[in-house]
Amino acid sequence: MTSVFDFTVRNADGSPHPLAQYRGRVLLIVNTASRCGFTPQYEGLEALFLEQYAAGLTVLAFPCNQFGKQEPGEAAEIVRFCSITYDVTFPVLAKVEVNGPGTEPLFDHLKRAQPGFLGTRSIKWNFTKFLVGRDGRVLDRYAPSAAPASLRSSVDKALGQPA
């Protein structure tokens, strides 16, 4: 069985970013956009990350321009926006596609493991969130409208599970 930790994605600078480095940690993986109505969720994601980092949580942001072209910038511009506007300190990785023929393999895995409403595999909008356990299994999927603060109990539960 494939684990999230078996994937290597790209950093914003294009270099490899193996997810194996997070083995034993809980991950919250989010497709993001800088010009979306949900963009202020960066603030809540950062708060959750800072509160739970020592306990084993890492948030990973994957910018995506597939929904309303709300992430048109280049990688360096996106990272700078997240840092300056929302003081984001968690990893903001390379821009990806989450649907269609160019889907990032990690997101293909996430969607298969946790389909959306009525079993749909496609991601409907920016800020869809996937919670991954310490063992690399995809535990849950959350709609874009789910505020990061509303995930605290699920994150706490995942943090309490063994790797």
N, C-alpha and C. Protein backbone atom coordinates (compact mmCIF):
# COMPACT_ATOMS: atom_id res chain seq x y z
N MET A 1 0.84 -1.19 0.00
CA MET A 1 0.00 0.00 0.00
C MET A 1 0.88 1.25 0.00
N THR A 2 0.52 2.20 -0.80
CA THR A 2 1.27 3.45 -0.89
C THR A 2 0.91 4.36 0.27
N SER A 3 1.93 5.02 0.80
CA SER A 3 1.76 5.98 1.87
C SER A 3 2.07 7.37 1.32
N VAL A 4 1.54 8.39 1.93
CA VAL A 4 1.87 9.76 1.54
C VAL A 4 3.38 9.97 1.62
N PHE A 5 4.02 9.28 2.55
CA PHE A 5 5.46 9.45 2.73
C PHE A 5 6.29 8.84 1.60
N ASP A 6 5.65 8.12 0.68
CA ASP A 6 6.34 7.56 -0.48
C ASP A 6 6.50 8.57 -1.62
N PHE A 7 5.86 9.72 -1.51
CA PHE A 7 5.87 10.71 -2.59
C PHE A 7 6.96 11.75 -2.40
N THR A 8 7.45 12.24 -3.52
CA THR A 8 8.35 13.39 -3.54
C THR A 8 7.67 14.45 -4.38
N VAL A 9 7.53 15.64 -3.81
CA VAL A 9 6.92 16.77 -4.51
C VAL A 9 8.04 17.78 -4.78
N ARG A 10 7.68 18.98 -5.21
CA ARG A 10 8.70 19.98 -5.50
C ARG A 10 8.53 21.18 -4.56
N ASN A 11 9.68 21.69 -4.13
CA ASN A 11 9.70 22.96 -3.40
C ASN A 11 9.35 24.08 -4.37
N ALA A 12 9.08 25.25 -3.85
CA ALA A 12 8.77 26.41 -4.69
C ALA A 12 9.91 26.71 -5.67
N ASP A 13 11.14 26.39 -5.29
CA ASP A 13 12.29 26.64 -6.17
C ASP A 13 12.51 25.50 -7.18
N GLY A 14 11.65 24.49 -7.15
CA GLY A 14 11.75 23.39 -8.10
C GLY A 14 12.55 22.20 -7.61
N SER A 15 13.22 22.32 -6.50
CA SER A 15 14.02 21.21 -5.98
C SER A 15 13.11 20.15 -5.37
N PRO A 16 13.62 18.91 -5.29
CA PRO A 16 12.79 17.83 -4.73
C PRO A 16 12.50 18.05 -3.24
N HIS A 17 11.31 17.66 -2.84
CA HIS A 17 10.87 17.78 -1.45
C HIS A 17 10.25 16.43 -1.06
N PRO A 18 11.10 15.48 -0.61
CA PRO A 18 10.56 14.16 -0.26
C PRO A 18 9.68 14.22 0.99
N LEU A 19 8.50 13.67 0.88
CA LEU A 19 7.59 13.68 2.03
C LEU A 19 8.01 12.67 3.09
N ALA A 20 8.95 11.80 2.76
CA ALA A 20 9.49 10.86 3.75
C ALA A 20 10.09 11.60 4.95
N GLN A 21 10.51 12.84 4.75
CA GLN A 21 11.09 13.61 5.85
C GLN A 21 10.07 13.89 6.96
N TYR A 22 8.78 13.69 6.66
CA TYR A 22 7.73 13.93 7.64
C TYR A 22 7.22 12.64 8.28
N ARG A 23 7.86 11.53 7.97
CA ARG A 23 7.43 10.25 8.55
C ARG A 23 7.33 10.39 10.07
N GLY A 24 6.19 9.96 10.62
CA GLY A 24 5.96 10.07 12.06
C GLY A 24 5.26 11.35 12.48
N ARG A 25 5.06 12.27 11.52
CA ARG A 25 4.34 13.51 11.81
C ARG A 25 2.94 13.44 11.20
N VAL A 26 2.06 14.25 11.69
CA VAL A 26 0.73 14.41 11.12
C VAL A 26 0.83 15.55 10.10
N LEU A 27 0.22 15.36 8.94
CA LEU A 27 0.26 16.39 7.90
C LEU A 27 -1.15 16.91 7.62
N LEU A 28 -1.24 18.19 7.38
CA LEU A 28 -2.45 18.80 6.85
C LEU A 28 -2.05 19.38 5.50
N ILE A 29 -2.53 18.76 4.43
CA ILE A 29 -2.15 19.12 3.06
C ILE A 29 -3.31 19.91 2.45
N VAL A 30 -2.98 21.09 1.91
CA VAL A 30 -4.00 22.02 1.44
C VAL A 30 -3.64 22.57 0.06
N ASN A 31 -4.60 22.55 -0.88
CA ASN A 31 -4.38 23.27 -2.13
C ASN A 31 -4.84 24.71 -1.90
N THR A 32 -3.99 25.66 -2.22
CA THR A 32 -4.20 27.04 -1.82
C THR A 32 -4.23 27.99 -3.02
N ALA A 33 -4.63 29.21 -2.78
CA ALA A 33 -4.62 30.27 -3.79
C ALA A 33 -4.58 31.62 -3.08
N SER A 34 -3.88 32.56 -3.67
CA SER A 34 -3.67 33.88 -3.06
C SER A 34 -4.79 34.88 -3.30
N ARG A 35 -5.66 34.60 -4.28
CA ARG A 35 -6.71 35.56 -4.63
C ARG A 35 -8.10 34.93 -4.53
N CYS A 36 -8.30 34.19 -3.47
CA CYS A 36 -9.54 33.43 -3.27
C CYS A 36 -10.26 33.98 -2.04
N GLY A 37 -11.55 33.80 -2.00
CA GLY A 37 -12.30 34.19 -0.82
C GLY A 37 -11.87 33.44 0.43
N PHE A 38 -11.25 32.27 0.25
CA PHE A 38 -10.77 31.48 1.38
C PHE A 38 -9.32 31.78 1.75
N THR A 39 -8.66 32.67 1.01
CA THR A 39 -7.25 32.98 1.26
C THR A 39 -6.97 33.37 2.71
N PRO A 40 -7.86 34.08 3.41
CA PRO A 40 -7.60 34.39 4.82
C PRO A 40 -7.43 33.15 5.70
N GLN A 41 -7.77 31.96 5.18
CA GLN A 41 -7.53 30.74 5.96
C GLN A 41 -6.04 30.52 6.21
N TYR A 42 -5.17 31.16 5.44
CA TYR A 42 -3.74 31.06 5.73
C TYR A 42 -3.46 31.43 7.18
N GLU A 43 -4.16 32.42 7.69
CA GLU A 43 -3.98 32.86 9.08
C GLU A 43 -4.32 31.72 10.05
N GLY A 44 -5.45 31.07 9.83
CA GLY A 44 -5.85 29.95 10.68
C GLY A 44 -4.95 28.74 10.53
N LEU A 45 -4.49 28.49 9.31
CA LEU A 45 -3.56 27.38 9.10
C LEU A 45 -2.25 27.63 9.84
N GLU A 46 -1.77 28.86 9.78
CA GLU A 46 -0.53 29.21 10.49
C GLU A 46 -0.72 29.08 12.00
N ALA A 47 -1.86 29.53 12.52
CA ALA A 47 -2.13 29.41 13.96
C ALA A 47 -2.14 27.94 14.39
N LEU A 48 -2.83 27.11 13.63
CA LEU A 48 -2.89 25.67 13.92
C LEU A 48 -1.50 25.05 13.86
N PHE A 49 -0.74 25.41 12.84
CA PHE A 49 0.63 24.92 12.68
C PHE A 49 1.49 25.29 13.88
N LEU A 50 1.46 26.55 14.27
CA LEU A 50 2.29 27.00 15.40
C LEU A 50 1.87 26.34 16.71
N GLU A 51 0.56 26.19 16.91
CA GLU A 51 0.06 25.57 18.14
C GLU A 51 0.43 24.10 18.25
N GLN A 52 0.45 23.40 17.13
CA GLN A 52 0.60 21.94 17.16
C GLN A 52 1.92 21.42 16.57
N TYR A 53 2.80 22.31 16.14
CA TYR A 53 4.05 21.86 15.53
C TYR A 53 4.86 20.97 16.49
N ALA A 54 5.03 21.43 17.72
CA ALA A 54 5.82 20.67 18.70
C ALA A 54 5.20 19.30 18.98
N ALA A 55 3.89 19.20 18.84
CA ALA A 55 3.21 17.92 19.07
C ALA A 55 3.30 16.99 17.86
N GLY A 56 3.73 17.55 16.70
CA GLY A 56 3.94 16.70 15.53
C GLY A 56 3.17 17.07 14.28
N LEU A 57 2.56 18.26 14.21
CA LEU A 57 1.81 18.66 13.03
C LEU A 57 2.67 19.47 12.08
N THR A 58 2.53 19.19 10.78
CA THR A 58 3.10 20.03 9.73
C THR A 58 2.00 20.33 8.73
N VAL A 59 1.89 21.58 8.34
CA VAL A 59 0.96 22.01 7.29
C VAL A 59 1.78 22.17 6.01
N LEU A 60 1.25 21.66 4.90
CA LEU A 60 1.90 21.80 3.60
C LEU A 60 0.92 22.47 2.64
N ALA A 61 1.31 23.61 2.08
CA ALA A 61 0.47 24.34 1.13
C ALA A 61 0.95 24.08 -0.29
N PHE A 62 0.00 23.78 -1.16
CA PHE A 62 0.28 23.55 -2.58
C PHE A 62 -0.55 24.56 -3.39
N PRO A 63 0.05 25.65 -3.81
CA PRO A 63 -0.67 26.62 -4.63
C PRO A 63 -1.21 25.97 -5.91
N CYS A 64 -2.40 26.41 -6.32
CA CYS A 64 -3.06 25.84 -7.49
C CYS A 64 -3.83 26.94 -8.21
N ASN A 65 -3.70 26.99 -9.53
CA ASN A 65 -4.36 28.02 -10.33
C ASN A 65 -5.54 27.47 -11.13
N GLN A 66 -6.06 26.31 -10.75
CA GLN A 66 -7.11 25.67 -11.53
C GLN A 66 -8.52 26.17 -11.23
N PHE A 67 -8.71 26.94 -10.20
CA PHE A 67 -10.04 27.37 -9.80
C PHE A 67 -10.14 28.89 -9.92
N GLY A 68 -10.78 29.34 -10.96
CA GLY A 68 -10.97 30.77 -11.15
C GLY A 68 -9.68 31.53 -11.39
N LYS A 69 -8.61 30.81 -11.74
CA LYS A 69 -7.30 31.45 -11.98
C LYS A 69 -6.92 32.37 -10.82
N GLN A 70 -7.12 31.86 -9.60
CA GLN A 70 -6.90 32.66 -8.40
C GLN A 70 -5.49 32.54 -7.82
N GLU A 71 -4.61 31.86 -8.56
CA GLU A 71 -3.20 31.77 -8.15
C GLU A 71 -2.32 31.94 -9.38
N PRO A 72 -2.34 33.15 -9.99
CA PRO A 72 -1.62 33.34 -11.24
C PRO A 72 -0.11 33.56 -11.08
N GLY A 73 0.35 33.86 -9.90
CA GLY A 73 1.75 34.24 -9.71
C GLY A 73 2.75 33.11 -9.87
N GLU A 74 4.01 33.52 -9.94
CA GLU A 74 5.12 32.57 -9.96
C GLU A 74 5.41 32.14 -8.52
N ALA A 75 6.14 31.04 -8.38
CA ALA A 75 6.38 30.44 -7.06
C ALA A 75 6.97 31.43 -6.05
N ALA A 76 8.01 32.15 -6.44
CA ALA A 76 8.65 33.08 -5.50
C ALA A 76 7.68 34.17 -5.05
N GLU A 77 6.85 34.63 -5.97
CA GLU A 77 5.85 35.65 -5.65
C GLU A 77 4.82 35.11 -4.66
N ILE A 78 4.40 33.87 -4.85
CA ILE A 78 3.42 33.24 -3.97
C ILE A 78 3.99 33.09 -2.56
N VAL A 79 5.21 32.59 -2.47
CA VAL A 79 5.86 32.40 -1.16
C VAL A 79 6.00 33.75 -0.45
N ARG A 80 6.42 34.77 -1.19
CA ARG A 80 6.58 36.12 -0.61
C ARG A 80 5.22 36.64 -0.12
N PHE A 81 4.17 36.48 -0.91
CA PHE A 81 2.82 36.91 -0.52
C PHE A 81 2.41 36.23 0.80
N CYS A 82 2.59 34.91 0.87
CA CYS A 82 2.19 34.17 2.08
C CYS A 82 2.96 34.64 3.30
N SER A 83 4.24 34.89 3.12
CA SER A 83 5.09 35.33 4.23
C SER A 83 4.74 36.75 4.69
N ILE A 84 4.62 37.65 3.75
CA ILE A 84 4.38 39.06 4.08
C ILE A 84 2.95 39.29 4.56
N THR A 85 1.98 38.69 3.88
CA THR A 85 0.58 38.97 4.17
C THR A 85 0.06 38.19 5.37
N TYR A 86 0.48 36.92 5.50
CA TYR A 86 -0.08 36.07 6.56
C TYR A 86 0.99 35.51 7.50
N ASP A 87 2.22 35.95 7.36
CA ASP A 87 3.32 35.51 8.22
C ASP A 87 3.44 33.97 8.24
N VAL A 88 3.21 33.35 7.09
CA VAL A 88 3.25 31.89 6.98
C VAL A 88 4.67 31.39 7.15
N THR A 89 4.83 30.40 8.02
CA THR A 89 6.15 29.78 8.24
C THR A 89 6.16 28.31 7.83
N PHE A 90 4.99 27.73 7.56
CA PHE A 90 4.96 26.34 7.10
C PHE A 90 5.34 26.30 5.62
N PRO A 91 5.72 25.13 5.10
CA PRO A 91 6.16 25.05 3.70
C PRO A 91 5.06 25.39 2.69
N VAL A 92 5.39 26.31 1.80
CA VAL A 92 4.56 26.62 0.63
C VAL A 92 5.35 26.05 -0.55
N LEU A 93 4.82 25.01 -1.14
CA LEU A 93 5.55 24.24 -2.14
C LEU A 93 5.25 24.72 -3.55
N ALA A 94 5.72 23.98 -4.54
CA ALA A 94 5.52 24.36 -5.94
C ALA A 94 4.04 24.34 -6.31
N LYS A 95 3.69 25.16 -7.27
CA LYS A 95 2.34 25.21 -7.81
C LYS A 95 2.04 23.86 -8.48
N VAL A 96 0.82 23.35 -8.24
CA VAL A 96 0.43 22.05 -8.77
C VAL A 96 -0.94 22.13 -9.43
N GLU A 97 -1.27 21.07 -10.15
CA GLU A 97 -2.63 20.84 -10.61
C GLU A 97 -3.19 19.73 -9.74
N VAL A 98 -4.44 19.86 -9.34
CA VAL A 98 -5.06 18.87 -8.46
C VAL A 98 -6.14 18.06 -9.16
N ASN A 99 -6.48 18.45 -10.37
CA ASN A 99 -7.47 17.74 -11.20
C ASN A 99 -6.94 17.64 -12.63
N GLY A 100 -7.50 16.70 -13.37
CA GLY A 100 -7.18 16.60 -14.79
C GLY A 100 -5.93 15.80 -15.08
N PRO A 101 -5.52 15.81 -16.36
CA PRO A 101 -4.39 14.97 -16.78
C PRO A 101 -3.05 15.36 -16.16
N GLY A 102 -2.91 16.61 -15.71
CA GLY A 102 -1.66 17.05 -15.11
C GLY A 102 -1.66 16.98 -13.59
N THR A 103 -2.58 16.22 -13.02
CA THR A 103 -2.69 16.14 -11.56
C THR A 103 -1.38 15.68 -10.92
N GLU A 104 -0.97 16.41 -9.92
CA GLU A 104 0.18 16.01 -9.10
C GLU A 104 -0.12 14.63 -8.52
N PRO A 105 0.79 13.65 -8.67
CA PRO A 105 0.52 12.29 -8.18
C PRO A 105 0.10 12.23 -6.71
N LEU A 106 0.65 13.07 -5.87
CA LEU A 106 0.25 13.09 -4.46
C LEU A 106 -1.25 13.37 -4.35
N PHE A 107 -1.76 14.32 -5.11
CA PHE A 107 -3.18 14.66 -5.02
C PHE A 107 -4.05 13.56 -5.62
N ASP A 108 -3.55 12.85 -6.60
CA ASP A 108 -4.28 11.69 -7.11
C ASP A 108 -4.45 10.67 -5.99
N HIS A 109 -3.38 10.43 -5.25
CA HIS A 109 -3.41 9.51 -4.11
C HIS A 109 -4.39 9.99 -3.03
N LEU A 110 -4.30 11.27 -2.69
CA LEU A 110 -5.17 11.83 -1.64
C LEU A 110 -6.64 11.68 -2.02
N LYS A 111 -6.97 11.98 -3.26
CA LYS A 111 -8.37 11.92 -3.72
C LYS A 111 -8.88 10.48 -3.77
N ARG A 112 -8.02 9.54 -4.11
CA ARG A 112 -8.44 8.13 -4.11
C ARG A 112 -8.69 7.64 -2.69
N ALA A 113 -7.81 8.05 -1.78
CA ALA A 113 -7.91 7.60 -0.39
C ALA A 113 -9.11 8.21 0.33
N GLN A 114 -9.43 9.46 0.01
CA GLN A 114 -10.55 10.16 0.67
C GLN A 114 -11.36 10.90 -0.39
N PRO A 115 -12.27 10.19 -1.05
CA PRO A 115 -13.12 10.86 -2.04
C PRO A 115 -13.98 11.93 -1.37
N GLY A 116 -14.46 12.83 -2.19
CA GLY A 116 -15.30 13.91 -1.68
C GLY A 116 -16.75 13.51 -1.58
N PHE A 117 -17.60 14.50 -1.52
CA PHE A 117 -19.04 14.34 -1.37
C PHE A 117 -19.57 13.39 -2.45
N LEU A 118 -20.38 12.43 -2.03
CA LEU A 118 -20.97 11.43 -2.92
C LEU A 118 -19.93 10.63 -3.71
N GLY A 119 -18.73 10.50 -3.15
CA GLY A 119 -17.69 9.68 -3.76
C GLY A 119 -16.92 10.34 -4.88
N THR A 120 -17.16 11.61 -5.11
CA THR A 120 -16.43 12.29 -6.19
C THR A 120 -14.94 12.37 -5.86
N ARG A 121 -14.12 12.18 -6.88
CA ARG A 121 -12.68 12.23 -6.66
C ARG A 121 -12.10 13.60 -6.97
N SER A 122 -12.81 14.41 -7.72
CA SER A 122 -12.24 15.71 -8.07
C SER A 122 -12.29 16.65 -6.88
N ILE A 123 -11.37 17.59 -6.90
CA ILE A 123 -11.36 18.66 -5.90
C ILE A 123 -12.18 19.79 -6.49
N LYS A 124 -13.08 20.33 -5.70
CA LYS A 124 -14.04 21.32 -6.20
C LYS A 124 -13.54 22.76 -6.14
N TRP A 125 -12.62 23.08 -5.21
CA TRP A 125 -12.18 24.47 -5.08
C TRP A 125 -10.90 24.54 -4.24
N ASN A 126 -10.36 25.75 -4.18
CA ASN A 126 -9.17 26.02 -3.37
C ASN A 126 -9.45 25.75 -1.89
N PHE A 127 -8.41 25.42 -1.17
CA PHE A 127 -8.44 25.19 0.28
C PHE A 127 -9.19 23.93 0.68
N THR A 128 -9.20 22.94 -0.21
CA THR A 128 -9.60 21.59 0.20
C THR A 128 -8.44 21.06 1.03
N LYS A 129 -8.76 20.40 2.14
CA LYS A 129 -7.74 19.97 3.10
C LYS A 129 -7.78 18.46 3.29
N PHE A 130 -6.60 17.86 3.41
CA PHE A 130 -6.47 16.43 3.68
C PHE A 130 -5.63 16.26 4.94
N LEU A 131 -6.14 15.47 5.87
CA LEU A 131 -5.42 15.17 7.11
C LEU A 131 -4.78 13.80 6.95
N VAL A 132 -3.48 13.74 7.21
CA VAL A 132 -2.70 12.51 7.06
C VAL A 132 -2.12 12.13 8.41
N GLY A 133 -2.29 10.85 8.77
CA GLY A 133 -1.79 10.37 10.06
C GLY A 133 -0.29 10.15 10.07
N ARG A 134 0.21 9.90 11.26
CA ARG A 134 1.65 9.68 11.46
C ARG A 134 2.18 8.50 10.65
N ASP A 135 1.27 7.58 10.27
CA ASP A 135 1.67 6.40 9.49
C ASP A 135 1.57 6.64 7.98
N GLY A 136 1.19 7.85 7.56
CA GLY A 136 1.11 8.18 6.15
C GLY A 136 -0.24 7.89 5.52
N ARG A 137 -1.19 7.37 6.31
CA ARG A 137 -2.54 7.11 5.79
C ARG A 137 -3.35 8.40 5.76
N VAL A 138 -4.16 8.54 4.72
CA VAL A 138 -5.04 9.71 4.61
C VAL A 138 -6.25 9.46 5.50
N LEU A 139 -6.42 10.29 6.52
CA LEU A 139 -7.47 10.08 7.52
C LEU A 139 -8.78 10.75 7.16
N ASP A 140 -8.71 11.95 6.57
CA ASP A 140 -9.95 12.68 6.30
C ASP A 140 -9.72 13.74 5.25
N ARG A 141 -10.83 14.22 4.73
CA ARG A 141 -10.85 15.29 3.72
C ARG A 141 -11.85 16.33 4.19
N TYR A 142 -11.48 17.60 4.04
CA TYR A 142 -12.33 18.69 4.51
C TYR A 142 -12.61 19.67 3.37
N ALA A 143 -13.82 20.16 3.32
CA ALA A 143 -14.25 21.11 2.30
C ALA A 143 -13.50 22.43 2.46
N PRO A 144 -13.42 23.20 1.36
CA PRO A 144 -12.78 24.52 1.44
C PRO A 144 -13.37 25.41 2.52
N SER A 145 -14.66 25.28 2.78
CA SER A 145 -15.32 26.13 3.78
C SER A 145 -14.97 25.75 5.22
N ALA A 146 -14.34 24.60 5.44
CA ALA A 146 -13.97 24.19 6.80
C ALA A 146 -12.82 25.07 7.30
N ALA A 147 -13.11 25.87 8.29
CA ALA A 147 -12.09 26.75 8.86
C ALA A 147 -11.03 25.90 9.57
N PRO A 148 -9.76 26.29 9.48
CA PRO A 148 -8.72 25.53 10.16
C PRO A 148 -9.00 25.27 11.64
N ALA A 149 -9.57 26.24 12.34
CA ALA A 149 -9.87 26.05 13.77
C ALA A 149 -10.85 24.90 13.99
N SER A 150 -11.72 24.64 13.01
CA SER A 150 -12.70 23.57 13.16
C SER A 150 -12.07 22.18 13.04
N LEU A 151 -10.82 22.13 12.64
CA LEU A 151 -10.11 20.84 12.48
C LEU A 151 -9.33 20.45 13.73
N ARG A 152 -9.31 21.30 14.73
CA ARG A 152 -8.48 21.07 15.92
C ARG A 152 -8.72 19.71 16.57
N SER A 153 -9.96 19.31 16.75
CA SER A 153 -10.21 18.03 17.43
C SER A 153 -9.73 16.86 16.57
N SER A 154 -9.91 16.94 15.27
CA SER A 154 -9.42 15.88 14.39
C SER A 154 -7.90 15.84 14.38
N VAL A 155 -7.27 16.99 14.37
CA VAL A 155 -5.80 17.06 14.42
C VAL A 155 -5.31 16.49 15.74
N ASP A 156 -5.94 16.89 16.84
CA ASP A 156 -5.55 16.36 18.16
C ASP A 156 -5.65 14.86 18.20
N LYS A 157 -6.74 14.32 17.66
CA LYS A 157 -6.93 12.86 17.63
C LYS A 157 -5.82 12.19 16.82
N ALA A 158 -5.50 12.77 15.64
CA ALA A 158 -4.44 12.22 14.80
C ALA A 158 -3.09 12.29 15.49
N LEU A 159 -2.86 13.37 16.21
CA LEU A 159 -1.58 13.52 16.93
C LEU A 159 -1.44 12.48 18.04
N GLY A 160 -2.56 12.00 18.56
CA GLY A 160 -2.54 10.99 19.61
C GLY A 160 -2.34 9.58 19.13
N GLN A 161 -2.40 9.37 17.81
CA GLN A 161 -2.25 8.03 17.25
C GLN A 161 -0.77 7.72 17.01
N PRO A 162 -0.38 6.46 17.16
CA PRO A 162 1.02 6.10 16.94
C PRO A 162 1.37 6.12 15.45
N ALA A 163 2.66 6.22 15.19
CA ALA A 163 3.15 6.22 13.80
C ALA A 163 3.07 4.85 13.20
